[in-house]
Amino acid sequence: MRWTRAKVPTLCGRCARRIEVGDPLLLLTIGSATKPIPKVRCTSCYGPAPPDLPSALELREARPPIDMTRLGLLPLVWSRDPGEEG
């Protein structure tokens, strides 16, 4: 069991309340170590989040785009014969 903040919109697995991005949620892991099953619970079902929960999500910097021409994948050139239909 651990409290965290939602990274994507989701639903509570108990009351089906919508949990928006950044809202606190309780993440339960049920099952074995090889096949854990995550369960999500909202603050309405399990009470308020702990006060030491970070108030905002940490934003990572976006990775720079990969230069596809350097990898030899672009530009793609399609050549057709003048009489070819298609």
PDB file of N, CA and C in Angstrom:
ATOM      1  N   MET A   1       0.841  -1.176   0.000  1.00  0.00           N
ATOM      2  CA  MET A   1       0.000   0.000   0.000  1.00  0.00           C
ATOM      3  C   MET A   1       0.885   1.237   0.000  1.00  0.00           C
ATOM      4  N   ARG A   2       0.562   2.166  -0.899  1.00  0.00           N
ATOM      5  CA  ARG A   2       1.273   3.428  -0.862  1.00  0.00           C
ATOM      6  C   ARG A   2       0.407   4.520  -1.470  1.00  0.00           C
ATOM      7  N   TRP A   3       0.520   5.701  -0.903  1.00  0.00           N
ATOM      8  CA  TRP A   3      -0.188   6.853  -1.415  1.00  0.00           C
ATOM      9  C   TRP A   3       0.661   7.514  -2.485  1.00  0.00           C
ATOM     10  N   THR A   4       0.020   7.943  -3.541  1.00  0.00           N
ATOM     11  CA  THR A   4       0.705   8.630  -4.628  1.00  0.00           C
ATOM     12  C   THR A   4      -0.272   9.585  -5.292  1.00  0.00           C
ATOM     13  N   ARG A   5       0.144  10.242  -6.334  1.00  0.00           N
ATOM     14  CA  ARG A   5      -0.737  11.124  -7.103  1.00  0.00           C
ATOM     15  C   ARG A   5      -0.980  10.497  -8.464  1.00  0.00           C
ATOM     16  N   ALA A   6      -2.186  10.681  -8.982  1.00  0.00           N
ATOM     17  CA  ALA A   6      -2.560  10.095 -10.264  1.00  0.00           C
ATOM     18  C   ALA A   6      -1.774  10.753 -11.390  1.00  0.00           C
ATOM     19  N   LYS A   7      -1.204   9.939 -12.249  1.00  0.00           N
ATOM     20  CA  LYS A   7      -0.466  10.437 -13.405  1.00  0.00           C
ATOM     21  C   LYS A   7      -1.357  10.515 -14.637  1.00  0.00           C
ATOM     22  N   VAL A   8      -2.420   9.730 -14.638  1.00  0.00           N
ATOM     23  CA  VAL A   8      -3.409   9.737 -15.715  1.00  0.00           C
ATOM     24  C   VAL A   8      -4.794   9.683 -15.076  1.00  0.00           C
ATOM     25  N   PRO A   9      -5.830  10.157 -15.755  1.00  0.00           N
ATOM     26  CA  PRO A   9      -7.181  10.028 -15.190  1.00  0.00           C
ATOM     27  C   PRO A   9      -7.542   8.553 -15.030  1.00  0.00           C
ATOM     28  N   THR A  10      -8.153   8.208 -13.915  1.00  0.00           N
ATOM     29  CA  THR A  10      -8.512   6.822 -13.640  1.00  0.00           C
ATOM     30  C   THR A  10      -9.766   6.784 -12.777  1.00  0.00           C
ATOM     31  N   LEU A  11     -10.237   5.598 -12.472  1.00  0.00           N
ATOM     32  CA  LEU A  11     -11.416   5.417 -11.625  1.00  0.00           C
ATOM     33  C   LEU A  11     -11.039   4.645 -10.375  1.00  0.00           C
ATOM     34  N   CYS A  12     -11.716   4.957  -9.287  1.00  0.00           N
ATOM     35  CA  CYS A  12     -11.542   4.199  -8.049  1.00  0.00           C
ATOM     36  C   CYS A  12     -12.115   2.804  -8.276  1.00  0.00           C
ATOM     37  N   GLY A  13     -11.406   1.798  -7.808  1.00  0.00           N
ATOM     38  CA  GLY A  13     -11.855   0.426  -7.978  1.00  0.00           C
ATOM     39  C   GLY A  13     -12.946   0.018  -7.011  1.00  0.00           C
ATOM     40  N   ARG A  14     -13.271   0.868  -6.058  1.00  0.00           N
ATOM     41  CA  ARG A  14     -14.299   0.527  -5.075  1.00  0.00           C
ATOM     42  C   ARG A  14     -15.604   1.275  -5.325  1.00  0.00           C
ATOM     43  N   CYS A  15     -15.527   2.608  -5.499  1.00  0.00           N
ATOM     44  CA  CYS A  15     -16.758   3.397  -5.665  1.00  0.00           C
ATOM     45  C   CYS A  15     -16.917   3.969  -7.076  1.00  0.00           C
ATOM     46  N   ALA A  16     -15.969   3.732  -7.954  1.00  0.00           N
ATOM     47  CA  ALA A  16     -15.985   4.185  -9.350  1.00  0.00           C
ATOM     48  C   ALA A  16     -15.954   5.712  -9.495  1.00  0.00           C
ATOM     49  N   ARG A  17     -15.443   6.407  -8.475  1.00  0.00           N
ATOM     50  CA  ARG A  17     -15.282   7.860  -8.548  1.00  0.00           C
ATOM     51  C   ARG A  17     -14.128   8.173  -9.489  1.00  0.00           C
ATOM     52  N   ARG A  18     -14.271   9.218 -10.299  1.00  0.00           N
ATOM     53  CA  ARG A  18     -13.225   9.611 -11.230  1.00  0.00           C
ATOM     54  C   ARG A  18     -12.098  10.309 -10.461  1.00  0.00           C
ATOM     55  N   ILE A  19     -10.876   9.869 -10.705  1.00  0.00           N
ATOM     56  CA  ILE A  19      -9.688  10.451 -10.089  1.00  0.00           C
ATOM     57  C   ILE A  19      -8.936  11.186 -11.193  1.00  0.00           C
ATOM     58  N   GLU A  20      -8.824  12.495 -11.040  1.00  0.00           N
ATOM     59  CA  GLU A  20      -8.177  13.325 -12.053  1.00  0.00           C
ATOM     60  C   GLU A  20      -6.658  13.308 -11.864  1.00  0.00           C
ATOM     61  N   VAL A  21      -5.946  13.798 -12.865  1.00  0.00           N
ATOM     62  CA  VAL A  21      -4.486  13.891 -12.805  1.00  0.00           C
ATOM     63  C   VAL A  21      -4.083  14.786 -11.637  1.00  0.00           C
ATOM     64  N   GLY A  22      -3.184  14.304 -10.808  1.00  0.00           N
ATOM     65  CA  GLY A  22      -2.700  15.061  -9.658  1.00  0.00           C
ATOM     66  C   GLY A  22      -3.458  14.805  -8.372  1.00  0.00           C
ATOM     67  N   ASP A  23      -4.622  14.161  -8.435  1.00  0.00           N
ATOM     68  CA  ASP A  23      -5.374  13.841  -7.223  1.00  0.00           C
ATOM     69  C   ASP A  23      -4.677  12.713  -6.463  1.00  0.00           C
ATOM     70  N   PRO A  24      -4.734  12.729  -5.119  1.00  0.00           N
ATOM     71  CA  PRO A  24      -4.124  11.637  -4.358  1.00  0.00           C
ATOM     72  C   PRO A  24      -4.929  10.350  -4.517  1.00  0.00           C
ATOM     73  N   LEU A  25      -4.220   9.229  -4.526  1.00  0.00           N
ATOM     74  CA  LEU A  25      -4.865   7.917  -4.594  1.00  0.00           C
ATOM     75  C   LEU A  25      -4.029   6.914  -3.845  1.00  0.00           C
ATOM     76  N   LEU A  26      -4.685   5.873  -3.361  1.00  0.00           N
ATOM     77  CA  LEU A  26      -4.006   4.786  -2.664  1.00  0.00           C
ATOM     78  C   LEU A  26      -3.812   3.660  -3.661  1.00  0.00           C
ATOM     79  N   LEU A  27      -2.578   3.221  -3.830  1.00  0.00           N
ATOM     80  CA  LEU A  27      -2.257   2.155  -4.760  1.00  0.00           C
ATOM     81  C   LEU A  27      -2.002   0.883  -3.973  1.00  0.00           C
ATOM     82  N   LEU A  28      -2.882  -0.085  -4.128  1.00  0.00           N
ATOM     83  CA  LEU A  28      -2.753  -1.380  -3.460  1.00  0.00           C
ATOM     84  C   LEU A  28      -2.203  -2.387  -4.458  1.00  0.00           C
ATOM     85  N   THR A  29      -1.351  -3.263  -4.018  1.00  0.00           N
ATOM     86  CA  THR A  29      -0.834  -4.321  -4.879  1.00  0.00           C
ATOM     87  C   THR A  29      -1.240  -5.652  -4.268  1.00  0.00           C
ATOM     88  N   ILE A  30      -2.026  -6.404  -5.005  1.00  0.00           N
ATOM     89  CA  ILE A  30      -2.537  -7.687  -4.534  1.00  0.00           C
ATOM     90  C   ILE A  30      -1.995  -8.768  -5.460  1.00  0.00           C
ATOM     91  N   GLY A  31      -1.674  -9.908  -4.911  1.00  0.00           N
ATOM     92  CA  GLY A  31      -1.182 -11.017  -5.712  1.00  0.00           C
ATOM     93  C   GLY A  31       0.257 -11.344  -5.364  1.00  0.00           C
ATOM     94  N   SER A  32       0.838 -12.194  -6.165  1.00  0.00           N
ATOM     95  CA  SER A  32       2.204 -12.626  -5.910  1.00  0.00           C
ATOM     96  C   SER A  32       3.203 -11.616  -6.465  1.00  0.00           C
ATOM     97  N   ALA A  33       4.453 -11.844  -6.150  1.00  0.00           N
ATOM     98  CA  ALA A  33       5.502 -10.941  -6.623  1.00  0.00           C
ATOM     99  C   ALA A  33       5.700 -11.062  -8.128  1.00  0.00           C
ATOM    100  N   THR A  34       5.376 -12.219  -8.694  1.00  0.00           N
ATOM    101  CA  THR A  34       5.562 -12.399 -10.135  1.00  0.00           C
ATOM    102  C   THR A  34       4.412 -11.812 -10.941  1.00  0.00           C
ATOM    103  N   LYS A  35       3.209 -11.764 -10.372  1.00  0.00           N
ATOM    104  CA  LYS A  35       2.050 -11.209 -11.071  1.00  0.00           C
ATOM    105  C   LYS A  35       1.271 -10.286 -10.145  1.00  0.00           C
ATOM    106  N   PRO A  36       1.821  -9.094  -9.864  1.00  0.00           N
ATOM    107  CA  PRO A  36       1.078  -8.183  -8.990  1.00  0.00           C
ATOM    108  C   PRO A  36      -0.114  -7.574  -9.715  1.00  0.00           C
ATOM    109  N   ILE A  37      -1.198  -7.387  -8.990  1.00  0.00           N
ATOM    110  CA  ILE A  37      -2.411  -6.787  -9.535  1.00  0.00           C
ATOM    111  C   ILE A  37      -2.619  -5.451  -8.829  1.00  0.00           C
ATOM    112  N   PRO A  38      -2.483  -4.323  -9.567  1.00  0.00           N
ATOM    113  CA  PRO A  38      -2.666  -3.024  -8.910  1.00  0.00           C
ATOM    114  C   PRO A  38      -4.145  -2.702  -8.725  1.00  0.00           C
ATOM    115  N   LYS A  39      -4.480  -2.162  -7.568  1.00  0.00           N
ATOM    116  CA  LYS A  39      -5.836  -1.708  -7.256  1.00  0.00           C
ATOM    117  C   LYS A  39      -5.749  -0.249  -6.835  1.00  0.00           C
ATOM    118  N   VAL A  40      -6.662   0.575  -7.315  1.00  0.00           N
ATOM    119  CA  VAL A  40      -6.664   2.007  -7.039  1.00  0.00           C
ATOM    120  C   VAL A  40      -7.847   2.344  -6.144  1.00  0.00           C
ATOM    121  N   ARG A  41      -7.598   3.150  -5.106  1.00  0.00           N
ATOM    122  CA  ARG A  41      -8.659   3.607  -4.209  1.00  0.00           C
ATOM    123  C   ARG A  41      -8.551   5.118  -4.050  1.00  0.00           C
ATOM    124  N   CYS A  42      -9.700   5.774  -3.939  1.00  0.00           N
ATOM    125  CA  CYS A  42      -9.736   7.231  -3.796  1.00  0.00           C
ATOM    126  C   CYS A  42      -9.710   7.629  -2.331  1.00  0.00           C
ATOM    127  N   THR A  43      -9.645   8.933  -2.073  1.00  0.00           N
ATOM    128  CA  THR A  43      -9.622   9.441  -0.697  1.00  0.00           C
ATOM    129  C   THR A  43     -10.976   9.282  -0.017  1.00  0.00           C
ATOM    130  N   SER A  44     -12.055   9.192  -0.786  1.00  0.00           N
ATOM    131  CA  SER A  44     -13.374   8.980  -0.193  1.00  0.00           C
ATOM    132  C   SER A  44     -13.492   7.586   0.414  1.00  0.00           C
ATOM    133  N   CYS A  45     -12.836   6.607  -0.180  1.00  0.00           N
ATOM    134  CA  CYS A  45     -12.923   5.226   0.303  1.00  0.00           C
ATOM    135  C   CYS A  45     -11.950   4.945   1.444  1.00  0.00           C
ATOM    136  N   TYR A  46     -10.760   5.526   1.407  1.00  0.00           N
ATOM    137  CA  TYR A  46      -9.741   5.201   2.393  1.00  0.00           C
ATOM    138  C   TYR A  46      -9.294   6.370   3.242  1.00  0.00           C
ATOM    139  N   GLY A  47     -10.027   7.449   3.256  1.00  0.00           N
ATOM    140  CA  GLY A  47      -9.681   8.584   4.106  1.00  0.00           C
ATOM    141  C   GLY A  47      -8.698   9.520   3.437  1.00  0.00           C
ATOM    142  N   PRO A  48      -8.331  10.567   4.151  1.00  0.00           N
ATOM    143  CA  PRO A  48      -7.454  11.576   3.552  1.00  0.00           C
ATOM    144  C   PRO A  48      -6.032  11.052   3.336  1.00  0.00           C
ATOM    145  N   ALA A  49      -5.377  11.640   2.356  1.00  0.00           N
ATOM    146  CA  ALA A  49      -3.992  11.282   2.071  1.00  0.00           C
ATOM    147  C   ALA A  49      -3.088  11.805   3.185  1.00  0.00           C
ATOM    148  N   PRO A  50      -1.938  11.191   3.386  1.00  0.00           N
ATOM    149  CA  PRO A  50      -1.030  11.675   4.431  1.00  0.00           C
ATOM    150  C   PRO A  50      -0.521  13.078   4.104  1.00  0.00           C
ATOM    151  N   PRO A  51      -0.224  13.864   5.124  1.00  0.00           N
ATOM    152  CA  PRO A  51       0.207  15.242   4.877  1.00  0.00           C
ATOM    153  C   PRO A  51       1.566  15.354   4.207  1.00  0.00           C
ATOM    154  N   ASP A  52       2.406  14.303   4.264  1.00  0.00           N
ATOM    155  CA  ASP A  52       3.728  14.385   3.656  1.00  0.00           C
ATOM    156  C   ASP A  52       3.735  13.995   2.175  1.00  0.00           C
ATOM    157  N   LEU A  53       2.565  13.760   1.582  1.00  0.00           N
ATOM    158  CA  LEU A  53       2.465  13.454   0.162  1.00  0.00           C
ATOM    159  C   LEU A  53       2.852  14.693  -0.641  1.00  0.00           C
ATOM    160  N   PRO A  54       3.732  14.552  -1.637  1.00  0.00           N
ATOM    161  CA  PRO A  54       4.123  15.724  -2.422  1.00  0.00           C
ATOM    162  C   PRO A  54       2.902  16.417  -3.027  1.00  0.00           C
ATOM    163  N   SER A  55       2.924  17.746  -3.033  1.00  0.00           N
ATOM    164  CA  SER A  55       1.753  18.500  -3.465  1.00  0.00           C
ATOM    165  C   SER A  55       1.602  18.563  -4.980  1.00  0.00           C
ATOM    166  N   ALA A  56       2.662  18.345  -5.717  1.00  0.00           N
ATOM    167  CA  ALA A  56       2.576  18.432  -7.174  1.00  0.00           C
ATOM    168  C   ALA A  56       3.395  17.309  -7.800  1.00  0.00           C
ATOM    169  N   LEU A  57       3.051  16.992  -9.019  1.00  0.00           N
ATOM    170  CA  LEU A  57       3.806  15.981  -9.742  1.00  0.00           C
ATOM    171  C   LEU A  57       5.115  16.571 -10.228  1.00  0.00           C
ATOM    172  N   GLU A  58       6.157  15.760 -10.197  1.00  0.00           N
ATOM    173  CA  GLU A  58       7.425  16.206 -10.750  1.00  0.00           C
ATOM    174  C   GLU A  58       7.351  16.073 -12.259  1.00  0.00           C
ATOM    175  N   LEU A  59       7.656  17.142 -12.951  1.00  0.00           N
ATOM    176  CA  LEU A  59       7.631  17.122 -14.405  1.00  0.00           C
ATOM    177  C   LEU A  59       9.035  16.866 -14.925  1.00  0.00           C
ATOM    178  N   ARG A  60       9.120  15.905 -15.814  1.00  0.00           N
ATOM    179  CA  ARG A  60      10.413  15.611 -16.427  1.00  0.00           C
ATOM    180  C   ARG A  60      10.549  16.431 -17.704  1.00  0.00           C
ATOM    181  N   GLU A  61      11.789  16.723 -18.041  1.00  0.00           N
ATOM    182  CA  GLU A  61      12.014  17.421 -19.293  1.00  0.00           C
ATOM    183  C   GLU A  61      11.775  16.452 -20.438  1.00  0.00           C
ATOM    184  N   ALA A  62      11.209  16.975 -21.511  1.00  0.00           N
ATOM    185  CA  ALA A  62      10.956  16.139 -22.677  1.00  0.00           C
ATOM    186  C   ALA A  62      12.288  15.755 -23.321  1.00  0.00           C
ATOM    187  N   ARG A  63      12.358  14.552 -23.792  1.00  0.00           N
ATOM    188  CA  ARG A  63      13.565  14.105 -24.480  1.00  0.00           C
ATOM    189  C   ARG A  63      13.654  14.792 -25.830  1.00  0.00           C
ATOM    190  N   PRO A  64      14.854  15.090 -26.281  1.00  0.00           N
ATOM    191  CA  PRO A  64      14.966  15.698 -27.607  1.00  0.00           C
ATOM    192  C   PRO A  64      14.560  14.683 -28.673  1.00  0.00           C
ATOM    193  N   PRO A  65      13.988  15.158 -29.772  1.00  0.00           N
ATOM    194  CA  PRO A  65      13.574  14.214 -30.817  1.00  0.00           C
ATOM    195  C   PRO A  65      14.784  13.519 -31.442  1.00  0.00           C
ATOM    196  N   ILE A  66      14.565  12.302 -31.884  1.00  0.00           N
ATOM    197  CA  ILE A  66      15.630  11.518 -32.515  1.00  0.00           C
ATOM    198  C   ILE A  66      15.737  11.946 -33.968  1.00  0.00           C
ATOM    199  N   ASP A  67      16.948  12.176 -34.406  1.00  0.00           N
ATOM    200  CA  ASP A  67      17.188  12.558 -35.793  1.00  0.00           C
ATOM    201  C   ASP A  67      17.155  11.291 -36.644  1.00  0.00           C
ATOM    202  N   MET A  68      16.053  11.060 -37.328  1.00  0.00           N
ATOM    203  CA  MET A  68      15.867   9.827 -38.098  1.00  0.00           C
ATOM    204  C   MET A  68      16.754   9.774 -39.335  1.00  0.00           C
ATOM    205  N   THR A  69      17.164  10.931 -39.853  1.00  0.00           N
ATOM    206  CA  THR A  69      18.047  10.913 -41.025  1.00  0.00           C
ATOM    207  C   THR A  69      19.418  10.374 -40.631  1.00  0.00           C
ATOM    208  N   ARG A  70      19.816  10.611 -39.381  1.00  0.00           N
ATOM    209  CA  ARG A  70      21.100  10.103 -38.913  1.00  0.00           C
ATOM    210  C   ARG A  70      21.094   8.585 -38.816  1.00  0.00           C
ATOM    211  N   LEU A  71      19.931   8.023 -38.543  1.00  0.00           N
ATOM    212  CA  LEU A  71      19.819   6.570 -38.433  1.00  0.00           C
ATOM    213  C   LEU A  71      19.639   5.889 -39.784  1.00  0.00           C
ATOM    214  N   GLY A  72      19.478   6.681 -40.822  1.00  0.00           N
ATOM    215  CA  GLY A  72      19.292   6.118 -42.154  1.00  0.00           C
ATOM    216  C   GLY A  72      17.859   5.728 -42.447  1.00  0.00           C
ATOM    217  N   LEU A  73      16.910   6.208 -41.649  1.00  0.00           N
ATOM    218  CA  LEU A  73      15.513   5.835 -41.851  1.00  0.00           C
ATOM    219  C   LEU A  73      14.737   6.868 -42.656  1.00  0.00           C
ATOM    220  N   LEU A  74      15.213   8.086 -42.698  1.00  0.00           N
ATOM    221  CA  LEU A  74      14.542   9.139 -43.447  1.00  0.00           C
ATOM    222  C   LEU A  74      15.543   9.807 -44.352  1.00  0.00           C
ATOM    223  N   PRO A  75      15.217  10.405 -45.393  1.00  0.00           N
ATOM    224  CA  PRO A  75      13.890  10.501 -45.977  1.00  0.00           C
ATOM    225  C   PRO A  75      13.544   9.226 -46.738  1.00  0.00           C
ATOM    226  N   LEU A  76      12.285   8.865 -46.675  1.00  0.00           N
ATOM    227  CA  LEU A  76      11.792   7.726 -47.436  1.00  0.00           C
ATOM    228  C   LEU A  76      11.461   8.211 -48.839  1.00  0.00           C
ATOM    229  N   VAL A  77      11.993   7.539 -49.824  1.00  0.00           N
ATOM    230  CA  VAL A  77      11.788   7.958 -51.209  1.00  0.00           C
ATOM    231  C   VAL A  77      11.024   6.858 -51.921  1.00  0.00           C
ATOM    232  N   TRP A  78       9.888   7.216 -52.461  1.00  0.00           N
ATOM    233  CA  TRP A  78       9.084   6.291 -53.241  1.00  0.00           C
ATOM    234  C   TRP A  78       9.229   6.687 -54.692  1.00  0.00           C
ATOM    235  N   SER A  79       9.673   5.757 -55.485  1.00  0.00           N
ATOM    236  CA  SER A  79       9.802   6.063 -56.914  1.00  0.00           C
ATOM    237  C   SER A  79       8.819   5.199 -57.690  1.00  0.00           C
ATOM    238  N   ARG A  80       8.182   5.813 -58.660  1.00  0.00           N
ATOM    239  CA  ARG A  80       7.250   5.100 -59.523  1.00  0.00           C
ATOM    240  C   ARG A  80       7.637   5.335 -60.968  1.00  0.00           C
ATOM    241  N   ASP A  81       7.393   4.342 -61.752  1.00  0.00           N
ATOM    242  CA  ASP A  81       7.587   4.509 -63.181  1.00  0.00           C
ATOM    243  C   ASP A  81       6.435   5.343 -63.719  1.00  0.00           C
ATOM    244  N   PRO A  82       6.644   6.143 -64.768  1.00  0.00           N
ATOM    245  CA  PRO A  82       5.566   6.972 -65.283  1.00  0.00           C
ATOM    246  C   PRO A  82       4.345   6.184 -65.731  1.00  0.00           C
ATOM    247  N   GLY A  83       4.522   4.965 -66.204  1.00  0.00           N
ATOM    248  CA  GLY A  83       3.381   4.186 -66.680  1.00  0.00           C
ATOM    249  C   GLY A  83       2.757   3.309 -65.598  1.00  0.00           C
ATOM    250  N   GLU A  84       3.310   3.313 -64.417  1.00  0.00           N
ATOM    251  CA  GLU A  84       2.808   2.460 -63.343  1.00  0.00           C
ATOM    252  C   GLU A  84       1.531   3.043 -62.758  1.00  0.00           C
ATOM    253  N   GLU A  85       0.531   2.190 -62.562  1.00  0.00           N
ATOM    254  CA  GLU A  85      -0.717   2.634 -61.960  1.00  0.00           C
ATOM    255  C   GLU A  85      -0.702   2.282 -60.489  1.00  0.00           C
ATOM    256  N   GLY A  86      -1.465   3.021 -59.712  1.00  0.00           N
ATOM    257  CA  GLY A  86      -1.469   2.616 -58.339  1.00  0.00           C
ATOM    258  C   GLY A  86      -2.019   3.584 -57.415  1.00  0.00           C
TER     259      GLY A  86
END
